[in-house]
Amino acid sequence: LAQPITPADGTGTIITPDGNRIDISGG
């Protein structure tokens, strides 16, 4: 079992789930 993808403070990373795909933007 994997952990979820969660952003940390500092870079402005944005996590956007779309079904089974997790888009990673910002930064």
PDB file of all heavy atoms in Angstrom:
ATOM      1  N   LEU A   1       0.837  -1.185   0.000  1.00  0.00           N
ATOM      2  CA  LEU A   1       0.000   0.000   0.000  1.00  0.00           C
ATOM      3  C   LEU A   1       0.873   1.236   0.000  1.00  0.00           C
ATOM      4  O   LEU A   1       1.744   1.404   0.854  1.00  0.00           O
ATOM      5  CB  LEU A   1      -0.915  -0.001   1.236  1.00  0.00           C
ATOM      6  CG  LEU A   1      -1.938  -1.148   1.304  1.00  0.00           C
ATOM      7  CD1 LEU A   1      -2.727  -1.063   2.603  1.00  0.00           C
ATOM      8  CD2 LEU A   1      -2.866  -1.111   0.103  1.00  0.00           C
ATOM      9  N   ALA A   2       0.646   2.111  -0.976  1.00  0.00           N
ATOM     10  CA  ALA A   2       1.462   3.311  -1.105  1.00  0.00           C
ATOM     11  C   ALA A   2       0.810   4.467  -0.349  1.00  0.00           C
ATOM     12  O   ALA A   2      -0.391   4.475  -0.091  1.00  0.00           O
ATOM     13  CB  ALA A   2       1.625   3.674  -2.581  1.00  0.00           C
ATOM     14  N   GLN A   3       1.637   5.449   0.009  1.00  0.00           N
ATOM     15  CA  GLN A   3       1.114   6.675   0.587  1.00  0.00           C
ATOM     16  C   GLN A   3       0.505   7.518  -0.531  1.00  0.00           C
ATOM     17  O   GLN A   3       0.817   7.342  -1.699  1.00  0.00           O
ATOM     18  CB  GLN A   3       2.239   7.481   1.255  1.00  0.00           C
ATOM     19  CG  GLN A   3       3.232   6.660   2.029  1.00  0.00           C
ATOM     20  CD  GLN A   3       4.438   6.295   1.173  1.00  0.00           C
ATOM     21  OE1 GLN A   3       4.307   6.078  -0.023  1.00  0.00           O
ATOM     22  NE2 GLN A   3       5.587   6.195   1.795  1.00  0.00           N
ATOM     23  N   PRO A   4      -0.369   8.443  -0.185  1.00  0.00           N
ATOM     24  CA  PRO A   4      -0.846   9.384  -1.215  1.00  0.00           C
ATOM     25  C   PRO A   4       0.258  10.355  -1.582  1.00  0.00           C
ATOM     26  O   PRO A   4       1.273  10.456  -0.889  1.00  0.00           O
ATOM     27  CB  PRO A   4      -2.001  10.099  -0.510  1.00  0.00           C
ATOM     28  CG  PRO A   4      -1.650  10.028   0.946  1.00  0.00           C
ATOM     29  CD  PRO A   4      -0.959   8.696   1.130  1.00  0.00           C
ATOM     30  N   ILE A   5       0.064  11.066  -2.680  1.00  0.00           N
ATOM     31  CA  ILE A   5       0.986  12.137  -3.053  1.00  0.00           C
ATOM     32  C   ILE A   5       0.456  13.429  -2.452  1.00  0.00           C
ATOM     33  O   ILE A   5      -0.647  13.873  -2.780  1.00  0.00           O
ATOM     34  CB  ILE A   5       1.109  12.259  -4.582  1.00  0.00           C
ATOM     35  CG1 ILE A   5       1.700  10.971  -5.163  1.00  0.00           C
ATOM     36  CG2 ILE A   5       1.970  13.451  -4.957  1.00  0.00           C
ATOM     37  CD1 ILE A   5       1.816  10.984  -6.683  1.00  0.00           C
ATOM     38  N   THR A   6       1.225  14.015  -1.552  1.00  0.00           N
ATOM     39  CA  THR A   6       0.810  15.245  -0.901  1.00  0.00           C
ATOM     40  C   THR A   6       1.944  16.263  -0.990  1.00  0.00           C
ATOM     41  O   THR A   6       3.109  15.932  -0.755  1.00  0.00           O
ATOM     42  CB  THR A   6       0.451  15.009   0.585  1.00  0.00           C
ATOM     43  OG1 THR A   6       1.566  14.394   1.249  1.00  0.00           O
ATOM     44  CG2 THR A   6      -0.753  14.097   0.703  1.00  0.00           C
ATOM     45  N   PRO A   7       1.631  17.506  -1.350  1.00  0.00           N
ATOM     46  CA  PRO A   7       2.687  18.519  -1.481  1.00  0.00           C
ATOM     47  C   PRO A   7       3.165  18.996  -0.122  1.00  0.00           C
ATOM     48  O   PRO A   7       2.438  18.949   0.875  1.00  0.00           O
ATOM     49  CB  PRO A   7       1.984  19.643  -2.250  1.00  0.00           C
ATOM     50  CG  PRO A   7       0.544  19.495  -1.886  1.00  0.00           C
ATOM     51  CD  PRO A   7       0.298  18.029  -1.695  1.00  0.00           C
ATOM     52  N   ALA A   8       4.416  19.450  -0.082  1.00  0.00           N
ATOM     53  CA  ALA A   8       4.967  20.088   1.109  1.00  0.00           C
ATOM     54  C   ALA A   8       5.043  21.597   0.875  1.00  0.00           C
ATOM     55  O   ALA A   8       4.933  22.067  -0.254  1.00  0.00           O
ATOM     56  CB  ALA A   8       6.351  19.514   1.421  1.00  0.00           C
ATOM     57  N   ASP A   9       5.226  22.323   1.938  1.00  0.00           N
ATOM     58  CA  ASP A   9       5.353  23.778   1.820  1.00  0.00           C
ATOM     59  C   ASP A   9       6.672  24.141   1.144  1.00  0.00           C
ATOM     60  O   ASP A   9       7.661  23.425   1.251  1.00  0.00           O
ATOM     61  CB  ASP A   9       5.300  24.428   3.199  1.00  0.00           C
ATOM     62  CG  ASP A   9       3.949  24.247   3.871  1.00  0.00           C
ATOM     63  OD1 ASP A   9       2.957  24.074   3.141  1.00  0.00           O
ATOM     64  OD2 ASP A   9       3.896  24.279   5.117  1.00  0.00           O
ATOM     65  N   GLY A  10       6.672  25.251   0.428  1.00  0.00           N
ATOM     66  CA  GLY A  10       7.937  25.790  -0.045  1.00  0.00           C
ATOM     67  C   GLY A  10       8.070  25.948  -1.538  1.00  0.00           C
ATOM     68  O   GLY A  10       8.716  26.887  -2.004  1.00  0.00           O
ATOM     69  N   THR A  11       7.491  25.037  -2.332  1.00  0.00           N
ATOM     70  CA  THR A  11       7.686  25.130  -3.787  1.00  0.00           C
ATOM     71  C   THR A  11       6.435  25.541  -4.546  1.00  0.00           C
ATOM     72  O   THR A  11       6.521  25.850  -5.734  1.00  0.00           O
ATOM     73  CB  THR A  11       8.165  23.779  -4.363  1.00  0.00           C
ATOM     74  OG1 THR A  11       7.202  22.766  -4.055  1.00  0.00           O
ATOM     75  CG2 THR A  11       9.518  23.384  -3.810  1.00  0.00           C
ATOM     76  N   GLY A  12       5.285  25.514  -3.907  1.00  0.00           N
ATOM     77  CA  GLY A  12       4.047  25.817  -4.628  1.00  0.00           C
ATOM     78  C   GLY A  12       3.585  24.677  -5.504  1.00  0.00           C
ATOM     79  O   GLY A  12       2.847  24.892  -6.479  1.00  0.00           O
ATOM     80  N   THR A  13       3.973  23.454  -5.178  1.00  0.00           N
ATOM     81  CA  THR A  13       3.538  22.276  -5.931  1.00  0.00           C
ATOM     82  C   THR A  13       2.039  22.076  -5.779  1.00  0.00           C
ATOM     83  O   THR A  13       1.492  22.194  -4.681  1.00  0.00           O
ATOM     84  CB  THR A  13       4.296  21.029  -5.443  1.00  0.00           C
ATOM     85  OG1 THR A  13       5.696  21.210  -5.686  1.00  0.00           O
ATOM     86  CG2 THR A  13       3.815  19.776  -6.144  1.00  0.00           C
ATOM     87  N   ILE A  14       1.379  21.763  -6.889  1.00  0.00           N
ATOM     88  CA  ILE A  14      -0.072  21.568  -6.907  1.00  0.00           C
ATOM     89  C   ILE A  14      -0.372  20.131  -7.340  1.00  0.00           C
ATOM     90  O   ILE A  14       0.140  19.660  -8.352  1.00  0.00           O
ATOM     91  CB  ILE A  14      -0.754  22.554  -7.867  1.00  0.00           C
ATOM     92  CG1 ILE A  14      -0.476  24.002  -7.429  1.00  0.00           C
ATOM     93  CG2 ILE A  14      -2.267  22.302  -7.932  1.00  0.00           C
ATOM     94  CD1 ILE A  14      -0.919  25.040  -8.448  1.00  0.00           C
ATOM     95  N   ILE A  15      -1.201  19.448  -6.570  1.00  0.00           N
ATOM     96  CA  ILE A  15      -1.606  18.070  -6.864  1.00  0.00           C
ATOM     97  C   ILE A  15      -3.069  18.076  -7.295  1.00  0.00           C
ATOM     98  O   ILE A  15      -3.941  18.545  -6.558  1.00  0.00           O
ATOM     99  CB  ILE A  15      -1.430  17.160  -5.639  1.00  0.00           C
ATOM    100  CG1 ILE A  15       0.007  17.239  -5.113  1.00  0.00           C
ATOM    101  CG2 ILE A  15      -1.818  15.723  -5.962  1.00  0.00           C
ATOM    102  CD1 ILE A  15       1.048  16.789  -6.091  1.00  0.00           C
ATOM    103  N   THR A  16      -3.346  17.548  -8.506  1.00  0.00           N
ATOM    104  CA  THR A  16      -4.715  17.533  -9.029  1.00  0.00           C
ATOM    105  C   THR A  16      -5.081  16.115  -9.462  1.00  0.00           C
ATOM    106  O   THR A  16      -4.667  15.654 -10.529  1.00  0.00           O
ATOM    107  CB  THR A  16      -4.862  18.488 -10.226  1.00  0.00           C
ATOM    108  OG1 THR A  16      -4.392  19.788  -9.871  1.00  0.00           O
ATOM    109  CG2 THR A  16      -6.314  18.575 -10.667  1.00  0.00           C
ATOM    110  N   PRO A  17      -5.860  15.380  -8.650  1.00  0.00           N
ATOM    111  CA  PRO A  17      -6.286  14.032  -9.047  1.00  0.00           C
ATOM    112  C   PRO A  17      -7.305  14.097 -10.184  1.00  0.00           C
ATOM    113  O   PRO A  17      -8.190  14.954 -10.205  1.00  0.00           O
ATOM    114  CB  PRO A  17      -6.932  13.465  -7.776  1.00  0.00           C
ATOM    115  CG  PRO A  17      -6.460  14.360  -6.659  1.00  0.00           C
ATOM    116  CD  PRO A  17      -6.275  15.702  -7.271  1.00  0.00           C
ATOM    117  N   ASP A  18      -7.178  13.186 -11.143  1.00  0.00           N
ATOM    118  CA  ASP A  18      -8.127  13.050 -12.249  1.00  0.00           C
ATOM    119  C   ASP A  18      -8.278  11.555 -12.519  1.00  0.00           C
ATOM    120  O   ASP A  18      -7.574  10.990 -13.333  1.00  0.00           O
ATOM    121  CB  ASP A  18      -7.613  13.784 -13.495  1.00  0.00           C
ATOM    122  CG  ASP A  18      -8.626  13.778 -14.629  1.00  0.00           C
ATOM    123  OD1 ASP A  18      -9.720  13.188 -14.459  1.00  0.00           O
ATOM    124  OD2 ASP A  18      -8.328  14.352 -15.693  1.00  0.00           O
ATOM    125  N   GLY A  19      -9.210  10.922 -11.813  1.00  0.00           N
ATOM    126  CA  GLY A  19      -9.333   9.475 -11.889  1.00  0.00           C
ATOM    127  C   GLY A  19      -8.093   8.823 -11.291  1.00  0.00           C
ATOM    128  O   GLY A  19      -7.663   9.173 -10.190  1.00  0.00           O
ATOM    129  N   ASN A  20      -7.505   7.890 -12.032  1.00  0.00           N
ATOM    130  CA  ASN A  20      -6.280   7.230 -11.572  1.00  0.00           C
ATOM    131  C   ASN A  20      -5.032   8.069 -11.828  1.00  0.00           C
ATOM    132  O   ASN A  20      -3.944   7.721 -11.364  1.00  0.00           O
ATOM    133  CB  ASN A  20      -6.110   5.865 -12.254  1.00  0.00           C
ATOM    134  CG  ASN A  20      -7.072   4.839 -11.712  1.00  0.00           C
ATOM    135  OD1 ASN A  20      -7.553   4.965 -10.584  1.00  0.00           O
ATOM    136  ND2 ASN A  20      -7.363   3.814 -12.487  1.00  0.00           N
ATOM    137  N   ARG A  21      -5.174   9.167 -12.593  1.00  0.00           N
ATOM    138  CA  ARG A  21      -4.030  10.023 -12.898  1.00  0.00           C
ATOM    139  C   ARG A  21      -3.949  11.173 -11.901  1.00  0.00           C
ATOM    140  O   ARG A  21      -4.959  11.791 -11.568  1.00  0.00           O
ATOM    141  CB  ARG A  21      -4.138  10.578 -14.312  1.00  0.00           C
ATOM    142  CG  ARG A  21      -2.838  11.241 -14.799  1.00  0.00           C
ATOM    143  CD  ARG A  21      -3.000  11.890 -16.158  1.00  0.00           C
ATOM    144  NE  ARG A  21      -3.747  13.136 -16.070  1.00  0.00           N
ATOM    145  CZ  ARG A  21      -4.862  13.388 -16.750  1.00  0.00           C
ATOM    146  NH1 ARG A  21      -5.375  12.498 -17.580  1.00  0.00           N
ATOM    147  NH2 ARG A  21      -5.468  14.565 -16.622  1.00  0.00           N
ATOM    148  N   ILE A  22      -2.736  11.441 -11.434  1.00  0.00           N
ATOM    149  CA  ILE A  22      -2.495  12.529 -10.498  1.00  0.00           C
ATOM    150  C   ILE A  22      -1.578  13.528 -11.192  1.00  0.00           C
ATOM    151  O   ILE A  22      -0.393  13.257 -11.421  1.00  0.00           O
ATOM    152  CB  ILE A  22      -1.850  12.014  -9.203  1.00  0.00           C
ATOM    153  CG1 ILE A  22      -2.745  10.948  -8.553  1.00  0.00           C
ATOM    154  CG2 ILE A  22      -1.598  13.157  -8.233  1.00  0.00           C
ATOM    155  CD1 ILE A  22      -2.046  10.131  -7.494  1.00  0.00           C
ATOM    156  N   ASP A  23      -2.132  14.675 -11.589  1.00  0.00           N
ATOM    157  CA  ASP A  23      -1.344  15.700 -12.263  1.00  0.00           C
ATOM    158  C   ASP A  23      -0.556  16.509 -11.241  1.00  0.00           C
ATOM    159  O   ASP A  23      -1.095  16.944 -10.213  1.00  0.00           O
ATOM    160  CB  ASP A  23      -2.249  16.631 -13.072  1.00  0.00           C
ATOM    161  CG  ASP A  23      -2.852  15.943 -14.289  1.00  0.00           C
ATOM    162  OD1 ASP A  23      -2.244  14.986 -14.787  1.00  0.00           O
ATOM    163  OD2 ASP A  23      -3.936  16.387 -14.734  1.00  0.00           O
ATOM    164  N   ILE A  24       0.718  16.733 -11.550  1.00  0.00           N
ATOM    165  CA  ILE A  24       1.615  17.478 -10.663  1.00  0.00           C
ATOM    166  C   ILE A  24       2.066  18.730 -11.407  1.00  0.00           C
ATOM    167  O   ILE A  24       2.763  18.649 -12.422  1.00  0.00           O
ATOM    168  CB  ILE A  24       2.821  16.619 -10.255  1.00  0.00           C
ATOM    169  CG1 ILE A  24       2.347  15.348  -9.531  1.00  0.00           C
ATOM    170  CG2 ILE A  24       3.774  17.419  -9.364  1.00  0.00           C
ATOM    171  CD1 ILE A  24       3.422  14.312  -9.339  1.00  0.00           C
ATOM    172  N   SER A  25       1.641  19.881 -10.917  1.00  0.00           N
ATOM    173  CA  SER A  25       1.942  21.154 -11.582  1.00  0.00           C
ATOM    174  C   SER A  25       2.460  22.149 -10.555  1.00  0.00           C
ATOM    175  O   SER A  25       2.755  21.798  -9.414  1.00  0.00           O
ATOM    176  CB  SER A  25       0.693  21.691 -12.295  1.00  0.00           C
ATOM    177  OG  SER A  25      -0.366  21.887 -11.360  1.00  0.00           O
ATOM    178  N   GLY A  26       2.554  23.416 -10.964  1.00  0.00           N
ATOM    179  CA  GLY A  26       3.086  24.430 -10.069  1.00  0.00           C
ATOM    180  C   GLY A  26       4.579  24.249  -9.895  1.00  0.00           C
ATOM    181  O   GLY A  26       5.306  23.984 -10.845  1.00  0.00           O
ATOM    182  N   GLY A  27       5.060  24.347  -8.674  1.00  0.00           N
ATOM    183  CA  GLY A  27       6.481  24.226  -8.406  1.00  0.00           C
ATOM    184  C   GLY A  27       7.190  25.562  -8.506  1.00  0.00           C
ATOM    185  O   GLY A  27       6.585  26.606  -8.760  1.00  0.00           O
TER     186      GLY A  27
END
